Protein backbone atom coordinates (compact mmCIF):
# COMPACT_ATOMS: atom_id res chain seq x y z
CA GLY A 1 85.59 67.92 132.80
CA VAL A 2 85.88 71.43 131.46
CA GLN A 3 89.70 71.37 131.29
CA ASP A 4 89.57 68.14 129.27
CA GLN A 5 87.11 69.66 126.81
CA ILE A 6 89.27 72.79 126.47
CA GLN A 7 92.36 70.63 125.87
CA LYS A 8 90.44 68.56 123.32
CA LEU A 9 89.30 71.70 121.49
CA GLU A 10 92.84 73.13 121.53
CA ASP A 11 94.20 69.86 120.10
CA GLU A 12 91.59 69.94 117.33
CA PHE A 13 92.44 73.59 116.70
CA GLU A 14 96.15 72.73 116.34
CA LYS A 15 95.34 69.85 113.97
CA SER A 16 93.10 72.12 111.91
CA ASN A 17 95.78 74.81 111.75
CA ALA A 18 98.39 72.26 110.68
CA LYS A 19 96.04 71.00 107.98
CA LYS A 20 95.36 74.58 106.88
CA VAL A 21 99.10 75.26 106.57
CA GLN A 22 99.58 72.03 104.62
CA LEU A 23 96.74 72.92 102.26
CA GLU A 24 98.20 76.41 101.74
CA ASN A 25 101.57 74.86 100.85
CA ASP A 26 99.87 72.43 98.48
CA MET A 27 98.01 75.33 96.88
CA GLU A 28 101.28 77.24 96.34
CA GLN A 29 102.91 74.17 94.80
CA CYS A 30 99.93 73.64 92.54
CA ALA A 31 100.00 77.29 91.42
CA ALA A 32 103.73 77.01 90.65
CA ARG A 33 103.15 73.83 88.64
CA LEU A 34 100.33 75.48 86.75
CA ASP A 35 102.56 78.44 85.92
CA ARG A 36 105.33 76.14 84.67
CA ALA A 37 102.80 74.17 82.62
CA LYS A 38 101.55 77.37 80.98
CA LYS A 39 105.13 78.33 80.10
CA LEU A 40 105.77 74.88 78.66
CA ILE A 41 102.61 74.97 76.57
CA GLY A 42 103.54 78.43 75.30
CA GLY A 43 107.00 77.19 74.36
CA LEU A 44 105.57 74.18 72.56
CA GLY A 45 103.21 76.45 70.64
CA GLY A 46 106.22 78.31 69.24
CA GLU A 47 107.83 74.98 68.44
CA ARG A 48 104.76 74.04 66.41
CA ASP A 49 105.19 77.12 64.26
CA ARG A 50 108.84 76.25 63.67
CA TRP A 51 107.96 72.68 62.68
CA THR A 52 105.26 73.94 60.31
CA GLN A 53 107.78 76.19 58.57
CA SER A 54 110.26 73.31 58.35
CA ILE A 55 107.61 71.08 56.77
CA GLU A 56 106.77 73.73 54.18
CA GLN A 57 110.45 74.14 53.30
CA LEU A 58 110.96 70.37 53.07
CA ASN A 59 107.96 70.09 50.73
CA ILE A 60 109.52 72.74 48.47
CA ASP A 61 112.89 70.96 48.59
CA TYR A 62 111.18 67.65 47.75
CA VAL A 63 109.55 69.18 44.66
CA ASN A 64 112.92 70.59 43.55
CA LEU A 65 114.83 67.37 44.27
CA ILE A 66 114.35 65.83 40.82
CA GLY A 67 115.65 68.95 39.07
CA ASP A 68 118.59 69.24 41.47
CA VAL A 69 119.56 65.62 40.83
CA LEU A 70 119.22 66.10 37.07
CA ILE A 71 121.47 69.17 37.10
CA SER A 72 124.00 67.47 39.39
CA SER A 73 124.16 64.33 37.27
CA GLY A 74 124.52 66.44 34.12
CA CYS A 75 127.48 68.29 35.65
CA ILE A 76 129.09 65.05 36.76
CA ALA A 77 128.54 63.45 33.34
CA TYR A 78 129.99 66.48 31.55
CA LEU A 79 132.98 67.01 33.82
CA GLY A 80 133.77 63.36 34.57
CA PRO A 81 135.21 61.96 31.31
CA PHE A 82 137.24 65.00 30.38
CA THR A 83 140.74 65.27 31.76
CA SER A 84 142.89 68.38 31.78
CA THR A 85 144.83 67.23 28.71
CA PHE A 86 141.70 66.77 26.64
């Protein structure tokens, strides 16, 4: 009677404690994952700034490309046909 009820309550208590410990471990894991996710997002935010700067520089280089090719082809055309004896 009473001993069985006490044993039943102690078993439920042990199960509840085990579940509590498991939930605490899950909570710690979740907090660690959240911390790592925040670090990753912060790192990617810095990466976005770097990519934005790269895009701006590439746009400038693209605008200057025609002039660079013109100057390069002019140098090649001027220097190409002349030999050292000429």
